[in-house]
Amino acid sequence: MIFKPAAARAGGISGGRLIIILIVMASLYASLIFNFYRLQIMKGDYYAARAASQQQFMAYLRPPRGNIYFTDKYGNKIPAAVNKSYPVIFAVPKEIEDAEEAASRLADMFSLDPKKSLAMLRKKNDEYELLVKKAAPAEIEAIQAAAIKGVYVDDEEYRFYPFGALASHLLGYVGASADDKISGRYGLEAFYEEDLAGTAGKLSDKVLVKSVPGKSLELTIDRNIQARAEEILNDLVAKYSGEGGVVIVQEPKTGQILAMANNPDFDPNNYSDSPVGNFLNTAVSAIYEPGSIFKVITVASGLDAGRIT
């Protein structure tokens, strides 16, 4: 019989273990390389687009907009304009293989203009094109079922008005301007834009400067009085077939405005459905002939001069 030394037997065992370790390590490295390939090559454009869009809207760069509140007779704050996250559908044109086919399918699903959709999807180096904002559940299901390469669903923050058209002329709305900048348009949203918008964050000398949130507004508008004033006004306009009307309710002792209603109105959540003429707050922006209301000035002047009692 021939016996191997103990050292040789131990060396053989160590060699086997070494092979197993090498196989495991090679498998881990192969998995890691595959993941790098999948993330950077196969889905690189997608994550680049996500990063680009998120960088624009991340909280530390884009400050949260201040809220606007109504009040009631007890002084309670009632949200009238707040921020809300909505699902959006967007495209990464760099990933679109057949722009014409994708544009045609998207146009059928979302009633989009085929020419505009095609123009967006043909931008070869573009990484983000918004297709549908505030997408409905049915639209999300449709796009997920279609599985169009380069088209994705994400979340984005928009302005939300819980009471719809209530005090719409007074509040205004938040929307895109001619240069695609999102800001307050009309009403208090526009007048107090600088305060509501806050200060955007930025990267300065490799130091991240955090954003400063916008300030909130607390109005003297009483939600219940405002609702009742609009109800009465709308009924009168309908009854007498009027072109429109205005109601202002003011507290005599303090001068606080408790209600300011206009007809016709609009829904700031869907302002694009209304004509531009509906956005004007005629209570403060329209021009009226003095007419009989000037008699108040005449009487006040007479009383002040002591010519009448």
Protein backbone atom coordinates (compact mmCIF):
# COMPACT_ATOMS: atom_id res chain seq x y z
CA MET A 1 0.00 0.00 0.00
CA ILE A 2 1.11 3.55 -0.74
CA PHE A 3 0.25 6.35 1.69
CA LYS A 4 0.22 10.06 0.77
CA PRO A 5 1.61 12.48 3.33
CA ALA A 6 -0.92 14.47 5.36
CA ALA A 7 0.36 17.71 3.85
CA ALA A 8 -0.41 16.43 0.36
CA ARG A 9 -3.92 15.42 1.38
CA ALA A 10 -4.48 18.85 2.95
CA GLY A 11 -3.15 20.52 -0.20
CA GLY A 12 -5.61 18.57 -2.35
CA ILE A 13 -8.53 19.69 -0.17
CA SER A 14 -7.38 23.32 -0.28
CA GLY A 15 -7.08 23.15 -4.06
CA GLY A 16 -10.69 21.94 -4.37
CA ARG A 17 -11.93 24.69 -2.13
CA LEU A 18 -9.96 27.23 -4.12
CA ILE A 19 -11.61 26.08 -7.33
CA ILE A 20 -15.06 26.40 -5.75
CA ILE A 21 -14.23 29.90 -4.48
CA LEU A 22 -12.95 30.91 -7.91
CA ILE A 23 -16.13 29.62 -9.56
CA VAL A 24 -18.32 31.53 -7.07
CA MET A 25 -16.30 34.72 -7.50
CA ALA A 26 -16.42 34.41 -11.28
CA SER A 27 -20.19 33.95 -11.13
CA LEU A 28 -20.57 37.04 -8.94
CA TYR A 29 -18.41 39.13 -11.26
CA ALA A 30 -20.31 37.86 -14.29
CA SER A 31 -23.60 38.81 -12.63
CA LEU A 32 -22.21 42.23 -11.73
CA ILE A 33 -20.96 42.84 -15.27
CA PHE A 34 -24.33 41.77 -16.69
CA ASN A 35 -26.15 44.20 -14.38
CA PHE A 36 -23.79 47.00 -15.42
CA TYR A 37 -24.50 46.15 -19.05
CA ARG A 38 -28.25 46.04 -18.47
CA LEU A 39 -28.32 49.36 -16.59
CA GLN A 40 -25.83 51.31 -18.69
CA ILE A 41 -26.36 49.85 -22.17
CA MET A 42 -29.76 48.20 -22.39
CA LYS A 43 -31.61 50.73 -20.19
CA GLY A 44 -29.05 53.51 -20.07
CA ASP A 45 -31.16 56.04 -21.99
CA TYR A 46 -34.18 55.36 -19.81
CA TYR A 47 -32.32 55.95 -16.55
CA ALA A 48 -30.60 58.98 -18.04
CA ALA A 49 -34.01 60.41 -18.90
CA ARG A 50 -35.31 59.64 -15.44
CA ALA A 51 -32.29 61.29 -13.88
CA ALA A 52 -32.67 64.36 -16.08
CA SER A 53 -36.34 64.78 -15.28
CA GLN A 54 -35.92 64.05 -11.58
CA GLN A 55 -33.07 66.54 -11.32
CA GLN A 56 -35.42 69.23 -12.54
CA PHE A 57 -38.21 68.38 -10.16
CA MET A 58 -36.46 67.00 -7.07
CA ALA A 59 -37.51 68.68 -3.85
CA TYR A 60 -34.07 70.06 -3.01
CA LEU A 61 -33.90 71.86 -6.35
CA ARG A 62 -37.53 72.71 -6.98
CA PRO A 63 -39.10 74.21 -3.84
CA PRO A 64 -42.60 73.13 -2.84
CA ARG A 65 -45.09 75.87 -3.68
CA GLY A 66 -46.87 77.54 -0.78
CA ASN A 67 -50.51 76.69 -0.17
CA ILE A 68 -53.46 79.09 -0.25
CA TYR A 69 -56.13 78.84 2.44
CA PHE A 70 -59.71 80.04 2.90
CA THR A 71 -60.96 80.63 6.45
CA ASP A 72 -64.26 80.27 8.25
CA LYS A 73 -65.93 82.32 10.98
CA TYR A 74 -63.96 80.38 13.58
CA GLY A 75 -60.62 81.18 11.96
CA ASN A 76 -59.98 77.63 10.74
CA LYS A 77 -57.77 77.25 7.65
CA ILE A 78 -59.39 75.47 4.69
CA PRO A 79 -57.05 74.44 1.79
CA ALA A 80 -57.99 76.22 -1.43
CA ALA A 81 -54.82 75.59 -3.49
CA VAL A 82 -52.34 72.80 -2.66
CA ASN A 83 -49.75 70.59 -4.35
CA LYS A 84 -50.65 67.06 -5.44
CA SER A 85 -48.74 64.26 -7.15
CA TYR A 86 -50.25 63.00 -10.42
CA PRO A 87 -49.17 60.18 -12.76
CA VAL A 88 -47.71 61.35 -16.07
CA ILE A 89 -46.84 59.51 -19.28
CA PHE A 90 -43.62 60.53 -20.99
CA ALA A 91 -41.40 59.37 -23.83
CA VAL A 92 -37.65 59.02 -24.27
CA PRO A 93 -37.24 59.72 -28.02
CA LYS A 94 -33.70 58.30 -28.00
CA GLU A 95 -35.18 54.88 -27.24
CA ILE A 96 -37.95 54.99 -29.84
CA GLU A 97 -37.10 52.55 -32.66
CA ASP A 98 -40.01 53.33 -35.01
CA ALA A 99 -41.19 56.90 -34.40
CA GLU A 100 -44.03 56.74 -36.96
CA GLU A 101 -45.55 53.57 -35.52
CA ALA A 102 -45.19 54.81 -31.92
CA ALA A 103 -46.73 58.20 -32.78
CA SER A 104 -49.65 56.52 -34.52
CA ARG A 105 -50.35 54.20 -31.59
CA LEU A 106 -50.06 57.02 -29.04
CA ALA A 107 -52.35 59.26 -31.08
CA ASP A 108 -55.02 56.56 -31.13
CA MET A 109 -54.74 55.89 -27.39
CA PHE A 110 -54.66 59.48 -26.12
CA SER A 111 -56.24 61.56 -28.91
CA LEU A 112 -52.94 63.30 -29.55
CA ASP A 113 -52.09 65.21 -32.71
CA PRO A 114 -50.19 62.63 -34.84
CA LYS A 115 -47.97 65.31 -36.43
CA LYS A 116 -46.97 66.85 -33.09
CA SER A 117 -46.39 63.43 -31.55
CA LEU A 118 -44.22 62.37 -34.48
CA ALA A 119 -42.20 65.60 -34.29
CA MET A 120 -41.52 64.96 -30.58
CA LEU A 121 -40.58 61.31 -31.02
CA ARG A 122 -38.17 62.09 -33.89
CA LYS A 123 -35.88 64.15 -31.66
CA LYS A 124 -32.94 61.76 -31.71
CA ASN A 125 -30.98 63.20 -28.79
CA ASP A 126 -34.02 64.12 -26.68
CA GLU A 127 -34.35 62.34 -23.36
CA TYR A 128 -37.72 63.58 -22.08
CA GLU A 129 -41.00 64.52 -23.77
CA LEU A 130 -44.19 64.81 -21.72
CA LEU A 131 -47.10 63.11 -23.50
CA VAL A 132 -49.93 63.05 -20.96
CA LYS A 133 -50.05 64.92 -17.67
CA LYS A 134 -52.48 63.95 -14.91
CA ALA A 135 -53.02 60.62 -16.63
CA ALA A 136 -56.20 58.71 -15.77
CA PRO A 137 -56.03 55.07 -14.50
CA ALA A 138 -57.42 53.83 -17.82
CA GLU A 139 -54.68 55.69 -19.74
CA ILE A 140 -51.98 54.19 -17.51
CA GLU A 141 -53.38 50.69 -18.02
CA ALA A 142 -53.48 51.26 -21.79
CA ILE A 143 -49.86 52.40 -22.03
CA GLN A 144 -48.65 49.56 -19.80
CA ALA A 145 -50.51 47.02 -21.91
CA ALA A 146 -49.14 48.54 -25.13
CA ALA A 147 -45.55 48.16 -23.87
CA ILE A 148 -44.15 50.70 -26.34
CA LYS A 149 -40.40 50.85 -25.97
CA GLY A 150 -39.30 54.30 -24.82
CA VAL A 151 -42.65 55.29 -23.27
CA TYR A 152 -42.96 55.27 -19.47
CA VAL A 153 -45.18 56.25 -16.52
CA ASP A 154 -43.92 58.40 -13.66
CA ASP A 155 -45.22 60.85 -11.02
CA GLU A 156 -45.06 64.62 -11.14
CA GLU A 157 -46.37 67.35 -8.85
CA TYR A 158 -49.09 69.74 -10.03
CA ARG A 159 -51.31 72.38 -8.44
CA PHE A 160 -54.66 71.12 -7.14
CA TYR A 161 -57.75 73.15 -6.27
CA PRO A 162 -60.00 71.04 -3.98
CA PHE A 163 -63.13 73.20 -4.52
CA GLY A 164 -62.87 73.36 -8.30
CA ALA A 165 -64.33 76.60 -9.67
CA LEU A 166 -64.97 78.15 -6.25
CA ALA A 167 -63.26 81.59 -6.13
CA SER A 168 -61.42 80.67 -9.33
CA HIS A 169 -61.05 84.31 -10.45
CA LEU A 170 -59.58 85.26 -7.11
CA LEU A 171 -57.16 82.31 -6.95
CA GLY A 172 -56.10 82.15 -10.61
CA TYR A 173 -54.12 79.06 -11.57
CA VAL A 174 -50.59 77.69 -12.06
CA GLY A 175 -49.58 76.90 -15.63
CA ALA A 176 -46.88 77.13 -18.27
CA SER A 177 -45.97 80.48 -19.81
CA ALA A 178 -44.70 81.13 -23.34
CA ASP A 179 -41.18 80.01 -22.33
CA ASP A 180 -42.56 76.82 -20.70
CA LYS A 181 -41.85 78.16 -17.22
CA ILE A 182 -44.38 76.96 -14.64
CA SER A 183 -45.69 79.89 -12.61
CA GLY A 184 -48.82 81.54 -11.27
CA ARG A 185 -51.18 82.84 -13.92
CA TYR A 186 -53.89 85.36 -13.04
CA GLY A 187 -55.30 86.02 -9.58
CA LEU A 188 -53.42 85.55 -6.34
CA GLU A 189 -51.27 82.79 -7.84
CA ALA A 190 -49.75 85.40 -10.17
CA PHE A 191 -49.80 88.43 -7.83
CA TYR A 192 -47.97 86.56 -5.04
CA GLU A 193 -45.85 84.40 -7.37
CA GLU A 194 -42.55 85.41 -5.75
CA ASP A 195 -43.77 84.51 -2.25
CA LEU A 196 -45.62 81.32 -3.22
CA ALA A 197 -42.88 79.96 -5.51
CA GLY A 198 -40.05 80.08 -2.96
CA THR A 199 -36.39 79.87 -3.99
CA ALA A 200 -35.03 77.03 -6.11
CA GLY A 201 -32.03 75.04 -4.90
CA LYS A 202 -28.80 74.96 -6.86
CA LEU A 203 -25.34 73.41 -7.00
CA SER A 204 -22.75 76.13 -6.32
CA ASP A 205 -19.02 75.34 -6.18
CA LYS A 206 -19.83 71.67 -5.57
CA VAL A 207 -21.98 72.69 -2.60
CA LEU A 208 -25.67 71.87 -2.71
CA VAL A 209 -27.81 74.86 -1.74
CA LYS A 210 -31.17 73.54 -0.60
CA SER A 211 -34.36 75.12 -1.88
CA VAL A 212 -36.47 77.43 0.27
CA PRO A 213 -40.18 76.44 0.33
CA GLY A 214 -42.74 79.01 -0.77
CA LYS A 215 -44.80 80.91 1.77
CA SER A 216 -48.48 80.12 2.24
CA LEU A 217 -51.33 82.63 2.00
CA GLU A 218 -54.20 82.82 4.48
CA LEU A 219 -57.16 84.67 2.97
CA THR A 220 -60.03 86.46 4.68
CA ILE A 221 -62.36 84.72 2.23
CA ASP A 222 -64.97 82.73 4.17
CA ARG A 223 -65.49 79.49 2.28
CA ASN A 224 -69.20 79.27 3.19
CA ILE A 225 -70.01 82.89 2.33
CA GLN A 226 -68.07 82.55 -0.94
CA ALA A 227 -70.00 79.43 -1.91
CA ARG A 228 -73.35 81.00 -1.11
CA ALA A 229 -72.48 84.23 -2.95
CA GLU A 230 -71.56 82.28 -6.09
CA GLU A 231 -74.73 80.20 -5.85
CA ILE A 232 -76.95 83.30 -5.67
CA LEU A 233 -75.02 85.06 -8.44
CA ASN A 234 -75.18 82.07 -10.80
CA ASP A 235 -78.93 81.69 -10.19
CA LEU A 236 -79.55 85.38 -10.96
CA VAL A 237 -77.45 85.31 -14.14
CA ALA A 238 -79.35 82.22 -15.34
CA LYS A 239 -82.75 83.69 -14.36
CA TYR A 240 -82.25 86.97 -16.21
CA SER A 241 -80.05 85.57 -19.03
CA GLY A 242 -77.26 87.92 -18.06
CA GLU A 243 -73.82 87.96 -19.64
CA GLY A 244 -72.20 87.81 -16.20
CA GLY A 245 -72.10 89.39 -12.78
CA VAL A 246 -70.05 90.27 -9.73
CA VAL A 247 -70.61 89.96 -5.98
CA ILE A 248 -68.35 91.38 -3.25
CA VAL A 249 -69.08 90.77 0.43
CA GLN A 250 -67.11 93.01 2.80
CA GLU A 251 -67.05 93.27 6.58
CA PRO A 252 -67.80 96.96 7.31
CA LYS A 253 -65.87 97.27 10.57
CA THR A 254 -62.56 95.80 9.34
CA GLY A 255 -62.80 96.12 5.55
CA GLN A 256 -61.99 92.42 5.17
CA ILE A 257 -63.25 90.81 1.95
CA LEU A 258 -65.34 87.79 2.90
CA ALA A 259 -66.38 86.81 -0.63
CA MET A 260 -65.58 87.86 -4.19
CA ALA A 261 -67.56 86.05 -6.86
CA ASN A 262 -67.64 86.37 -10.66
CA ASN A 263 -69.73 84.83 -13.42
CA PRO A 264 -68.78 83.20 -15.77
CA ASP A 265 -66.13 81.22 -13.90
CA PHE A 266 -63.72 78.35 -14.71
CA ASP A 267 -62.14 75.27 -13.13
CA PRO A 268 -58.46 76.01 -12.40
CA ASN A 269 -57.76 72.26 -12.37
CA ASN A 270 -58.70 72.21 -16.08
CA TYR A 271 -58.24 75.84 -17.09
CA SER A 272 -57.51 74.95 -20.73
CA ASP A 273 -61.17 73.96 -21.16
CA SER A 274 -62.31 77.58 -20.64
CA PRO A 275 -61.91 80.70 -22.81
CA VAL A 276 -59.28 83.23 -21.74
CA GLY A 277 -61.99 85.83 -21.10
CA ASN A 278 -63.25 83.77 -18.14
CA PHE A 279 -59.96 84.19 -16.26
CA LEU A 280 -60.35 87.94 -15.70
CA ASN A 281 -61.45 88.98 -12.20
CA THR A 282 -63.95 91.67 -13.21
CA ALA A 283 -64.44 92.68 -9.57
CA VAL A 284 -61.02 94.38 -9.60
CA SER A 285 -59.94 94.48 -13.25
CA ALA A 286 -62.95 95.59 -15.30
CA ILE A 287 -63.88 99.22 -16.06
CA TYR A 288 -67.38 100.41 -15.24
CA GLU A 289 -69.17 103.72 -15.83
CA PRO A 290 -69.78 105.38 -12.43
CA GLY A 291 -73.49 105.94 -13.08
CA SER A 292 -75.70 106.14 -10.00
CA ILE A 293 -73.03 104.78 -7.67
CA PHE A 294 -71.32 108.20 -7.84
CA LYS A 295 -74.24 109.62 -5.82
CA VAL A 296 -72.53 108.18 -2.74
CA ILE A 297 -69.55 110.47 -3.38
CA THR A 298 -71.85 113.47 -3.88
CA VAL A 299 -73.74 112.83 -0.63
CA ALA A 300 -70.52 112.17 1.30
CA SER A 301 -69.06 115.46 0.01
CA GLY A 302 -72.21 117.32 1.07
CA LEU A 303 -72.13 115.80 4.55
CA ASP A 304 -68.43 116.56 4.91
CA ALA A 305 -68.99 120.20 3.87
CA GLY A 306 -71.94 120.57 6.25
CA ARG A 307 -74.28 121.63 3.43
CA ILE A 308 -76.69 118.74 4.10
CA THR A 309 -77.66 116.74 7.18
